Amino acid sequence: MTAPRTTLALLLFAPLAFFAAFFVAPMVVVALSSIIADDGALTTAHYARILLDQYHWDVLWVTFRIALLTTLICMLVGFPLAWYLVRIVRWRAWRRACVILIIVPLFTSNIVRSFGWMVLLGRTGLVNQGLMGLGLTERPIRFLGTETGILIGLVYILVPFVVLTVGNALAKIDTAYEEASADLGVGPARTFWFVTLPLTLPGAVSGAIMVFALAVSAYVTPALLSGGQITVFSMLIFQQYSSVFDFHYGAALSITLLVLTLILVTVAGRIGEGRKPA
């Protein structure tokens, strides 16, 4: 028994050491930095500055509002797309091609994709030209520097995560459940709502949590597509580290965002677990 345990310990040592060195240790350093004053004394002044300043609450509200809207839109777009790929597409070659088209953008830098959307959403960009060409608007719509532009960029970047997680959940569902529901005279809409959706809920919740966590911590896309007109919390953190050089205050901002995000993600996870089918 000793040899297998020793082998298991050796196998786990490398990943655990990597996790401790590149995740736990940096988090501990940031957490400690957030409660240290410039003179080296322990303090909670940085957190008091955040909690007592209305500006920070306003930025937090904007950050979480954009993240929640991004998550909702990604679910509304990604769920039907996943359904199409898993339940509608029968030709394997076409399904694989669609999956490749969804995954390939993930290999491109967010900076490149955000710059691409800056070109597309500009006043003379393809989007405005198309809208005016179709007669839907008489003048260019202002996308850049607005939450709408940020949402478009974030949804484009993050919707593949919903498609992959929901698609995986749909693929694991035995179609016999849906066929049995249809045999009992239940319509497609009620079958989806009471049979398919509850069975895919764990995958949907996982995708939503993933999208929300990535959206709430996004920096490049909001910074580029907002043009400095809208500030999210990640931009505040970046400013403290790169411009103001107030590392202790920046660490407190980072921990604040992390804790609030973990609270919301935990609540969402509990809700998802509570609604799992028996």
C-alpha atoms as a PDB file:
ATOM      1  CA  MET A   1       0.000   0.000   0.000  1.00  0.00           C
ATOM      2  CA  THR A   2       2.928   2.310   0.663  1.00  0.00           C
ATOM      3  CA  ALA A   3       4.237   2.200  -2.911  1.00  0.00           C
ATOM      4  CA  PRO A   4       0.958   3.241  -4.589  1.00  0.00           C
ATOM      5  CA  ARG A   5       0.549   6.085  -2.094  1.00  0.00           C
ATOM      6  CA  THR A   6       4.091   7.238  -2.730  1.00  0.00           C
ATOM      7  CA  THR A   7       3.523   7.112  -6.487  1.00  0.00           C
ATOM      8  CA  LEU A   8       0.271   9.069  -6.116  1.00  0.00           C
ATOM      9  CA  ALA A   9       2.013  11.678  -3.947  1.00  0.00           C
ATOM     10  CA  LEU A  10       4.774  12.082  -6.540  1.00  0.00           C
ATOM     11  CA  LEU A  11       2.232  12.447  -9.337  1.00  0.00           C
ATOM     12  CA  LEU A  12       0.320  15.099  -7.396  1.00  0.00           C
ATOM     13  CA  PHE A  13       3.406  17.000  -6.297  1.00  0.00           C
ATOM     14  CA  ALA A  14       4.070  18.756  -9.632  1.00  0.00           C
ATOM     15  CA  PRO A  15       0.527  20.096 -10.235  1.00  0.00           C
ATOM     16  CA  LEU A  16       0.077  21.037  -6.583  1.00  0.00           C
ATOM     17  CA  ALA A  17       3.439  22.807  -6.530  1.00  0.00           C
ATOM     18  CA  PHE A  18       2.532  24.656  -9.725  1.00  0.00           C
ATOM     19  CA  PHE A  19      -0.839  25.647  -8.247  1.00  0.00           C
ATOM     20  CA  ALA A  20       0.766  26.851  -5.026  1.00  0.00           C
ATOM     21  CA  ALA A  21       3.526  28.800  -6.775  1.00  0.00           C
ATOM     22  CA  PHE A  22       1.488  30.500  -9.489  1.00  0.00           C
ATOM     23  CA  PHE A  23      -1.947  30.871  -7.866  1.00  0.00           C
ATOM     24  CA  VAL A  24      -1.905  30.603  -4.083  1.00  0.00           C
ATOM     25  CA  ALA A  25       1.325  32.538  -3.514  1.00  0.00           C
ATOM     26  CA  PRO A  26       0.386  35.529  -5.745  1.00  0.00           C
ATOM     27  CA  MET A  27      -3.064  35.697  -4.126  1.00  0.00           C
ATOM     28  CA  VAL A  28      -1.502  35.703  -0.660  1.00  0.00           C
ATOM     29  CA  VAL A  29       0.888  38.487  -1.707  1.00  0.00           C
ATOM     30  CA  VAL A  30      -1.977  40.598  -3.090  1.00  0.00           C
ATOM     31  CA  ALA A  31      -4.134  39.975  -0.003  1.00  0.00           C
ATOM     32  CA  LEU A  32      -1.321  40.957   2.357  1.00  0.00           C
ATOM     33  CA  SER A  33      -0.481  44.012   0.262  1.00  0.00           C
ATOM     34  CA  SER A  34      -4.086  45.196   0.526  1.00  0.00           C
ATOM     35  CA  ILE A  35      -3.867  45.525   4.323  1.00  0.00           C
ATOM     36  CA  ILE A  36      -0.450  47.179   4.500  1.00  0.00           C
ATOM     37  CA  ALA A  37       0.056  50.938   4.619  1.00  0.00           C
ATOM     38  CA  ASP A  38       2.899  52.782   2.930  1.00  0.00           C
ATOM     39  CA  ASP A  39       4.861  52.767   6.224  1.00  0.00           C
ATOM     40  CA  GLY A  40       4.493  48.984   6.554  1.00  0.00           C
ATOM     41  CA  ALA A  41       1.840  49.012   9.277  1.00  0.00           C
ATOM     42  CA  LEU A  42      -1.329  46.952   9.064  1.00  0.00           C
ATOM     43  CA  THR A  43      -4.390  48.957   8.054  1.00  0.00           C
ATOM     44  CA  THR A  44      -7.909  48.660   6.700  1.00  0.00           C
ATOM     45  CA  ALA A  45      -7.860  52.184   5.309  1.00  0.00           C
ATOM     46  CA  HIS A  46      -7.727  50.969   1.706  1.00  0.00           C
ATOM     47  CA  TYR A  47     -10.939  48.984   2.103  1.00  0.00           C
ATOM     48  CA  ALA A  48     -12.589  51.845   3.993  1.00  0.00           C
ATOM     49  CA  ARG A  49     -11.673  54.140   1.120  1.00  0.00           C
ATOM     50  CA  ILE A  50     -13.376  51.789  -1.316  1.00  0.00           C
ATOM     51  CA  LEU A  51     -16.507  51.117   0.732  1.00  0.00           C
ATOM     52  CA  LEU A  52     -17.105  54.727   1.775  1.00  0.00           C
ATOM     53  CA  ASP A  53     -16.623  56.290  -1.658  1.00  0.00           C
ATOM     54  CA  GLN A  54     -19.759  56.390  -3.816  1.00  0.00           C
ATOM     55  CA  TYR A  55     -17.626  56.496  -6.959  1.00  0.00           C
ATOM     56  CA  HIS A  56     -16.410  52.959  -6.359  1.00  0.00           C
ATOM     57  CA  TRP A  57     -19.961  51.705  -5.875  1.00  0.00           C
ATOM     58  CA  ASP A  58     -20.967  53.375  -9.140  1.00  0.00           C
ATOM     59  CA  VAL A  59     -18.095  51.689 -10.990  1.00  0.00           C
ATOM     60  CA  LEU A  60     -18.972  48.368  -9.372  1.00  0.00           C
ATOM     61  CA  TRP A  61     -22.576  48.743 -10.482  1.00  0.00           C
ATOM     62  CA  VAL A  62     -21.490  49.454 -14.057  1.00  0.00           C
ATOM     63  CA  THR A  63     -19.085  46.505 -13.976  1.00  0.00           C
ATOM     64  CA  PHE A  64     -21.608  43.987 -12.678  1.00  0.00           C
ATOM     65  CA  ARG A  65     -24.384  45.351 -14.887  1.00  0.00           C
ATOM     66  CA  ILE A  66     -22.275  44.840 -18.000  1.00  0.00           C
ATOM     67  CA  ALA A  67     -21.216  41.375 -16.801  1.00  0.00           C
ATOM     68  CA  LEU A  68     -24.815  40.319 -16.063  1.00  0.00           C
ATOM     69  CA  LEU A  69     -26.108  41.635 -19.395  1.00  0.00           C
ATOM     70  CA  THR A  70     -23.237  39.906 -21.189  1.00  0.00           C
ATOM     71  CA  THR A  71     -24.097  36.636 -19.445  1.00  0.00           C
ATOM     72  CA  LEU A  72     -27.804  36.957 -20.277  1.00  0.00           C
ATOM     73  CA  ILE A  73     -27.197  37.750 -23.946  1.00  0.00           C
ATOM     74  CA  CYS A  74     -24.644  34.959 -24.253  1.00  0.00           C
ATOM     75  CA  MET A  75     -27.194  32.513 -22.858  1.00  0.00           C
ATOM     76  CA  LEU A  76     -29.904  33.756 -25.219  1.00  0.00           C
ATOM     77  CA  VAL A  77     -27.562  33.441 -28.203  1.00  0.00           C
ATOM     78  CA  GLY A  78     -25.531  30.411 -27.161  1.00  0.00           C
ATOM     79  CA  PHE A  79     -28.338  28.098 -26.047  1.00  0.00           C
ATOM     80  CA  PRO A  80     -30.187  28.055 -29.414  1.00  0.00           C
ATOM     81  CA  LEU A  81     -26.871  27.709 -31.243  1.00  0.00           C
ATOM     82  CA  ALA A  82     -25.900  24.738 -29.062  1.00  0.00           C
ATOM     83  CA  TRP A  83     -29.352  23.240 -29.636  1.00  0.00           C
ATOM     84  CA  TYR A  84     -28.918  23.629 -33.384  1.00  0.00           C
ATOM     85  CA  LEU A  85     -25.523  21.927 -33.389  1.00  0.00           C
ATOM     86  CA  VAL A  86     -26.548  19.011 -31.157  1.00  0.00           C
ATOM     87  CA  ARG A  87     -30.171  18.342 -32.108  1.00  0.00           C
ATOM     88  CA  ILE A  88     -30.693  19.776 -35.592  1.00  0.00           C
ATOM     89  CA  VAL A  89     -27.418  19.159 -37.429  1.00  0.00           C
ATOM     90  CA  ARG A  90     -27.152  15.525 -38.505  1.00  0.00           C
ATOM     91  CA  TRP A  91     -24.237  15.786 -40.903  1.00  0.00           C
ATOM     92  CA  ARG A  92     -21.127  15.253 -38.774  1.00  0.00           C
ATOM     93  CA  ALA A  93     -18.828  17.108 -41.147  1.00  0.00           C
ATOM     94  CA  TRP A  94     -20.985  20.247 -40.970  1.00  0.00           C
ATOM     95  CA  ARG A  95     -21.243  19.950 -37.175  1.00  0.00           C
ATOM     96  CA  ARG A  96     -17.464  19.719 -36.864  1.00  0.00           C
ATOM     97  CA  ALA A  97     -17.044  22.681 -39.193  1.00  0.00           C
ATOM     98  CA  CYS A  98     -19.428  24.741 -37.050  1.00  0.00           C
ATOM     99  CA  VAL A  99     -17.601  23.784 -33.858  1.00  0.00           C
ATOM    100  CA  ILE A 100     -14.284  24.742 -35.444  1.00  0.00           C
ATOM    101  CA  LEU A 101     -15.713  28.105 -36.490  1.00  0.00           C
ATOM    102  CA  ILE A 102     -16.836  28.688 -32.914  1.00  0.00           C
ATOM    103  CA  ILE A 103     -13.534  27.638 -31.341  1.00  0.00           C
ATOM    104  CA  VAL A 104     -11.057  29.248 -33.766  1.00  0.00           C
ATOM    105  CA  PRO A 105     -11.644  32.847 -32.526  1.00  0.00           C
ATOM    106  CA  LEU A 106     -10.585  31.707 -29.050  1.00  0.00           C
ATOM    107  CA  PHE A 107      -7.064  31.279 -30.408  1.00  0.00           C
ATOM    108  CA  THR A 108      -6.949  34.951 -31.391  1.00  0.00           C
ATOM    109  CA  SER A 109      -5.920  37.609 -28.887  1.00  0.00           C
ATOM    110  CA  ASN A 110      -8.710  39.653 -27.309  1.00  0.00           C
ATOM    111  CA  ILE A 111      -6.762  42.755 -28.297  1.00  0.00           C
ATOM    112  CA  VAL A 112      -6.923  41.859 -31.979  1.00  0.00           C
ATOM    113  CA  ARG A 113     -10.621  41.018 -31.807  1.00  0.00           C
ATOM    114  CA  SER A 114     -11.394  44.214 -29.910  1.00  0.00           C
ATOM    115  CA  PHE A 115      -9.547  46.302 -32.473  1.00  0.00           C
ATOM    116  CA  GLY A 116     -11.554  44.507 -35.148  1.00  0.00           C
ATOM    117  CA  TRP A 117     -14.795  45.520 -33.452  1.00  0.00           C
ATOM    118  CA  MET A 118     -13.515  49.095 -33.174  1.00  0.00           C
ATOM    119  CA  VAL A 119     -13.268  49.139 -36.967  1.00  0.00           C
ATOM    120  CA  LEU A 120     -16.635  47.444 -37.492  1.00  0.00           C
ATOM    121  CA  LEU A 121     -18.523  49.626 -34.988  1.00  0.00           C
ATOM    122  CA  GLY A 122     -17.013  52.958 -36.047  1.00  0.00           C
ATOM    123  CA  ARG A 123     -19.095  55.692 -37.628  1.00  0.00           C
ATOM    124  CA  THR A 124     -17.936  54.595 -41.075  1.00  0.00           C
ATOM    125  CA  GLY A 125     -17.652  50.942 -40.105  1.00  0.00           C
ATOM    126  CA  LEU A 126     -19.376  47.992 -41.702  1.00  0.00           C
ATOM    127  CA  VAL A 127     -22.129  47.846 -39.080  1.00  0.00           C
ATOM    128  CA  ASN A 128     -23.246  51.452 -39.538  1.00  0.00           C
ATOM    129  CA  GLN A 129     -22.885  51.221 -43.305  1.00  0.00           C
ATOM    130  CA  GLY A 130     -25.063  48.129 -43.319  1.00  0.00           C
ATOM    131  CA  LEU A 131     -27.731  49.705 -41.092  1.00  0.00           C
ATOM    132  CA  MET A 132     -27.886  52.818 -43.252  1.00  0.00           C
ATOM    133  CA  GLY A 133     -27.849  50.740 -46.427  1.00  0.00           C
ATOM    134  CA  LEU A 134     -30.886  48.788 -45.184  1.00  0.00           C
ATOM    135  CA  GLY A 135     -32.667  52.007 -44.315  1.00  0.00           C
ATOM    136  CA  LEU A 136     -32.804  51.176 -40.598  1.00  0.00           C
ATOM    137  CA  THR A 137     -31.134  54.444 -39.655  1.00  0.00           C
ATOM    138  CA  GLU A 138     -30.460  57.747 -41.357  1.00  0.00           C
ATOM    139  CA  ARG A 139     -27.209  58.548 -39.578  1.00  0.00           C
ATOM    140  CA  PRO A 140     -24.407  56.516 -37.992  1.00  0.00           C
ATOM    141  CA  ILE A 141     -25.175  55.086 -34.564  1.00  0.00           C
ATOM    142  CA  ARG A 142     -22.643  55.706 -31.822  1.00  0.00           C
ATOM    143  CA  PHE A 143     -21.441  52.320 -30.614  1.00  0.00           C
ATOM    144  CA  LEU A 144     -17.914  53.112 -29.471  1.00  0.00           C
ATOM    145  CA  GLY A 145     -17.725  54.726 -26.068  1.00  0.00           C
ATOM    146  CA  THR A 146     -21.030  53.153 -24.967  1.00  0.00           C
ATOM    147  CA  GLU A 147     -22.066  50.105 -22.986  1.00  0.00           C
ATOM    148  CA  THR A 148     -23.677  48.741 -26.146  1.00  0.00           C
ATOM    149  CA  GLY A 149     -20.322  48.569 -27.882  1.00  0.00           C
ATOM    150  CA  ILE A 150     -18.733  46.863 -24.875  1.00  0.00           C
ATOM    151  CA  LEU A 151     -21.573  44.334 -24.756  1.00  0.00           C
ATOM    152  CA  ILE A 152     -21.180  43.505 -28.436  1.00  0.00           C
ATOM    153  CA  GLY A 153     -17.470  42.865 -28.029  1.00  0.00           C
ATOM    154  CA  LEU A 154     -17.834  40.808 -24.849  1.00  0.00           C
ATOM    155  CA  VAL A 155     -20.699  38.701 -26.208  1.00  0.00           C
ATOM    156  CA  TYR A 156     -18.729  37.906 -29.354  1.00  0.00           C
ATOM    157  CA  ILE A 157     -15.714  36.859 -27.296  1.00  0.00           C
ATOM    158  CA  LEU A 158     -17.540  34.858 -24.606  1.00  0.00           C
ATOM    159  CA  VAL A 159     -20.503  33.207 -26.346  1.00  0.00           C
ATOM    160  CA  PRO A 160     -18.386  30.169 -27.413  1.00  0.00           C
ATOM    161  CA  PHE A 161     -18.088  29.158 -23.754  1.00  0.00           C
ATOM    162  CA  VAL A 162     -21.871  28.912 -23.475  1.00  0.00           C
ATOM    163  CA  VAL A 163     -22.158  26.974 -26.737  1.00  0.00           C
ATOM    164  CA  LEU A 164     -19.553  24.442 -25.613  1.00  0.00           C
ATOM    165  CA  THR A 165     -20.893  23.895 -22.083  1.00  0.00           C
ATOM    166  CA  VAL A 166     -24.577  23.778 -23.055  1.00  0.00           C
ATOM    167  CA  GLY A 167     -23.815  21.666 -26.124  1.00  0.00           C
ATOM    168  CA  ASN A 168     -21.950  19.169 -23.965  1.00  0.00           C
ATOM    169  CA  ALA A 169     -24.906  18.998 -21.559  1.00  0.00           C
ATOM    170  CA  LEU A 170     -27.386  18.516 -24.415  1.00  0.00           C
ATOM    171  CA  ALA A 171     -25.276  15.765 -25.961  1.00  0.00           C
ATOM    172  CA  LYS A 172     -25.402  13.781 -22.712  1.00  0.00           C
ATOM    173  CA  ILE A 173     -29.218  13.831 -22.497  1.00  0.00           C
ATOM    174  CA  ASP A 174     -30.881  10.628 -23.609  1.00  0.00           C
ATOM    175  CA  THR A 175     -33.433  11.569 -26.280  1.00  0.00           C
ATOM    176  CA  ALA A 176     -35.662   8.825 -24.900  1.00  0.00           C
ATOM    177  CA  TYR A 177     -36.841  11.284 -22.240  1.00  0.00           C
ATOM    178  CA  GLU A 178     -38.071  13.712 -24.875  1.00  0.00           C
ATOM    179  CA  GLU A 179     -39.590  10.918 -26.941  1.00  0.00           C
ATOM    180  CA  ALA A 180     -41.448   9.634 -23.888  1.00  0.00           C
ATOM    181  CA  SER A 181     -42.761  13.118 -23.213  1.00  0.00           C
ATOM    182  CA  ALA A 182     -43.981  13.394 -26.800  1.00  0.00           C
ATOM    183  CA  ASP A 183     -45.624   9.957 -26.578  1.00  0.00           C
ATOM    184  CA  LEU A 184     -47.569  11.196 -23.547  1.00  0.00           C
ATOM    185  CA  GLY A 185     -49.001  14.015 -25.642  1.00  0.00           C
ATOM    186  CA  VAL A 186     -46.814  16.818 -24.316  1.00  0.00           C
ATOM    187  CA  GLY A 187     -46.007  19.518 -26.871  1.00  0.00           C
ATOM    188  CA  PRO A 188     -42.462  20.482 -27.901  1.00  0.00           C
ATOM    189  CA  ALA A 189     -42.494  23.714 -25.892  1.00  0.00           C
ATOM    190  CA  ARG A 190     -43.582  22.040 -22.640  1.00  0.00           C
ATOM    191  CA  THR A 191     -41.179  19.156 -23.250  1.00  0.00           C
ATOM    192  CA  PHE A 192     -38.325  21.614 -23.589  1.00  0.00           C
ATOM    193  CA  TRP A 193     -39.359  23.590 -20.500  1.00  0.00           C
ATOM    194  CA  PHE A 194     -40.050  20.679 -18.160  1.00  0.00           C
ATOM    195  CA  VAL A 195     -37.702  17.979 -19.498  1.00  0.00           C
ATOM    196  CA  THR A 196     -34.818  19.296 -21.587  1.00  0.00           C
ATOM    197  CA  LEU A 197     -34.115  22.559 -19.760  1.00  0.00           C
ATOM    198  CA  PRO A 198     -33.878  21.036 -16.251  1.00  0.00           C
ATOM    199  CA  LEU A 199     -31.512  18.363 -17.547  1.00  0.00           C
ATOM    200  CA  THR A 200     -29.270  20.952 -19.227  1.00  0.00           C
ATOM    201  CA  LEU A 201     -29.401  23.373 -16.298  1.00  0.00           C
ATOM    202  CA  PRO A 202     -26.091  22.264 -14.718  1.00  0.00           C
ATOM    203  CA  GLY A 203     -24.267  22.868 -18.005  1.00  0.00           C
ATOM    204  CA  ALA A 204     -26.064  26.164 -18.537  1.00  0.00           C
ATOM    205  CA  VAL A 205     -25.183  27.346 -15.035  1.00  0.00           C
ATOM    206  CA  SER A 206     -21.541  26.357 -15.557  1.00  0.00           C
ATOM    207  CA  GLY A 207     -21.434  28.316 -18.811  1.00  0.00           C
ATOM    208  CA  ALA A 208     -23.130  31.320 -17.229  1.00  0.00           C
ATOM    209  CA  ILE A 209     -20.704  31.345 -14.299  1.00  0.00           C
ATOM    210  CA  MET A 210     -17.746  31.094 -16.653  1.00  0.00           C
ATOM    211  CA  VAL A 211     -19.006  33.945 -18.841  1.00  0.00           C
ATOM    212  CA  PHE A 212     -19.845  36.149 -15.846  1.00  0.00           C
ATOM    213  CA  ALA A 213     -16.434  35.630 -14.222  1.00  0.00           C
ATOM    214  CA  LEU A 214     -14.627  36.453 -17.469  1.00  0.00           C
ATOM    215  CA  ALA A 215     -16.853  39.454 -18.206  1.00  0.00           C
ATOM    216  CA  VAL A 216     -16.576  40.992 -14.744  1.00  0.00           C
ATOM    217  CA  SER A 217     -12.774  40.800 -14.876  1.00  0.00           C
ATOM    218  CA  ALA A 218     -12.382  41.835 -18.533  1.00  0.00           C
ATOM    219  CA  TYR A 219     -10.073  44.769 -19.162  1.00  0.00           C
ATOM    220  CA  VAL A 220      -8.958  44.893 -22.789  1.00  0.00           C
ATOM    221  CA  THR A 221     -12.396  44.867 -24.438  1.00  0.00           C
ATOM    222  CA  PRO A 222     -14.030  47.482 -22.154  1.00  0.00           C
ATOM    223  CA  ALA A 223     -10.947  49.692 -22.286  1.00  0.00           C
ATOM    224  CA  LEU A 224     -10.728  49.687 -26.090  1.00  0.00           C
ATOM    225  CA  LEU A 225     -14.415  49.779 -26.987  1.00  0.00           C
ATOM    226  CA  SER A 226     -15.278  52.365 -24.339  1.00  0.00           C
ATOM    227  CA  GLY A 227     -12.533  54.728 -25.468  1.00  0.00           C
ATOM    228  CA  GLY A 228     -12.143  55.840 -21.851  1.00  0.00           C
ATOM    229  CA  GLN A 229     -15.767  56.994 -21.701  1.00  0.00           C
ATOM    230  CA  ILE A 230     -16.865  54.150 -19.401  1.00  0.00           C
ATOM    231  CA  THR A 231     -14.860  52.834 -16.465  1.00  0.00           C
ATOM    232  CA  VAL A 232     -15.112  49.295 -15.143  1.00  0.00           C
ATOM    233  CA  PHE A 233     -13.443  47.995 -12.010  1.00  0.00           C
ATOM    234  CA  SER A 234     -10.626  46.223 -13.825  1.00  0.00           C
ATOM    235  CA  MET A 235      -9.653  49.560 -15.377  1.00  0.00           C
ATOM    236  CA  LEU A 236      -9.433  51.133 -11.915  1.00  0.00           C
ATOM    237  CA  ILE A 237      -7.145  48.330 -10.791  1.00  0.00           C
ATOM    238  CA  PHE A 238      -4.941  48.715 -13.860  1.00  0.00           C
ATOM    239  CA  GLN A 239      -4.678  52.474 -13.297  1.00  0.00           C
ATOM    240  CA  GLN A 240      -3.477  51.985  -9.723  1.00  0.00           C
ATOM    241  CA  TYR A 241      -0.759  49.565 -10.782  1.00  0.00           C
ATOM    242  CA  SER A 242       0.384  51.188 -14.027  1.00  0.00           C
ATOM    243  CA  SER A 243      -0.196  54.928 -13.600  1.00  0.00           C
ATOM    244  CA  VAL A 244      -0.651  55.858  -9.941  1.00  0.00           C
ATOM    245  CA  PHE A 245       1.709  53.141  -8.626  1.00  0.00           C
ATOM    246  CA  ASP A 246      -0.394  52.734  -5.491  1.00  0.00           C
ATOM    247  CA  PHE A 247       0.063  48.980  -5.237  1.00  0.00           C
ATOM    248  CA  HIS A 248      -1.597  48.609  -1.825  1.00  0.00           C
ATOM    249  CA  TYR A 249      -4.755  50.378  -2.935  1.00  0.00           C
ATOM    250  CA  GLY A 250      -4.724  48.445  -6.215  1.00  0.00           C
ATOM    251  CA  ALA A 251      -4.467  45.203  -4.238  1.00  0.00           C
ATOM    252  CA  ALA A 252      -7.465  46.216  -2.120  1.00  0.00           C
ATOM    253  CA  LEU A 253      -9.462  46.922  -5.289  1.00  0.00           C
ATOM    254  CA  SER A 254      -8.473  43.511  -6.660  1.00  0.00           C
ATOM    255  CA  ILE A 255      -9.511  41.654  -3.506  1.00  0.00           C
ATOM    256  CA  THR A 256     -12.790  43.576  -3.350  1.00  0.00           C
ATOM    257  CA  LEU A 257     -13.692  42.614  -6.903  1.00  0.00           C
ATOM    258  CA  LEU A 258     -12.611  39.015  -6.286  1.00  0.00           C
ATOM    259  CA  VAL A 259     -14.681  38.640  -3.107  1.00  0.00           C
ATOM    260  CA  LEU A 260     -17.826  40.175  -4.593  1.00  0.00           C
ATOM    261  CA  THR A 261     -17.489  38.023  -7.717  1.00  0.00           C
ATOM    262  CA  LEU A 262     -17.018  34.869  -5.644  1.00  0.00           C
ATOM    263  CA  ILE A 263     -20.134  35.705  -3.623  1.00  0.00           C
ATOM    264  CA  LEU A 264     -22.271  36.121  -6.738  1.00  0.00           C
ATOM    265  CA  VAL A 265     -20.802  33.021  -8.399  1.00  0.00           C
ATOM    266  CA  THR A 266     -21.407  30.965  -5.246  1.00  0.00           C
ATOM    267  CA  VAL A 267     -25.016  32.128  -5.048  1.00  0.00           C
ATOM    268  CA  ALA A 268     -25.549  31.282  -8.726  1.00  0.00           C
ATOM    269  CA  GLY A 269     -23.976  27.868  -8.211  1.00  0.00           C
ATOM    270  CA  ARG A 270     -26.242  27.161  -5.225  1.00  0.00           C
ATOM    271  CA  ILE A 271     -29.301  28.136  -7.257  1.00  0.00           C
ATOM    272  CA  GLY A 272     -28.211  25.836 -10.066  1.00  0.00           C
ATOM    273  CA  GLU A 273     -27.655  22.935  -7.657  1.00  0.00           C
ATOM    274  CA  GLY A 274     -31.020  23.536  -6.030  1.00  0.00           C
ATOM    275  CA  ARG A 275     -32.803  23.193  -9.357  1.00  0.00           C
ATOM    276  CA  LYS A 276     -31.092  20.026 -10.555  1.00  0.00           C
ATOM    277  CA  PRO A 277     -33.566  17.341 -11.487  1.00  0.00           C
ATOM    278  CA  ALA A 278     -33.994  14.548  -8.975  1.00  0.00           C
END
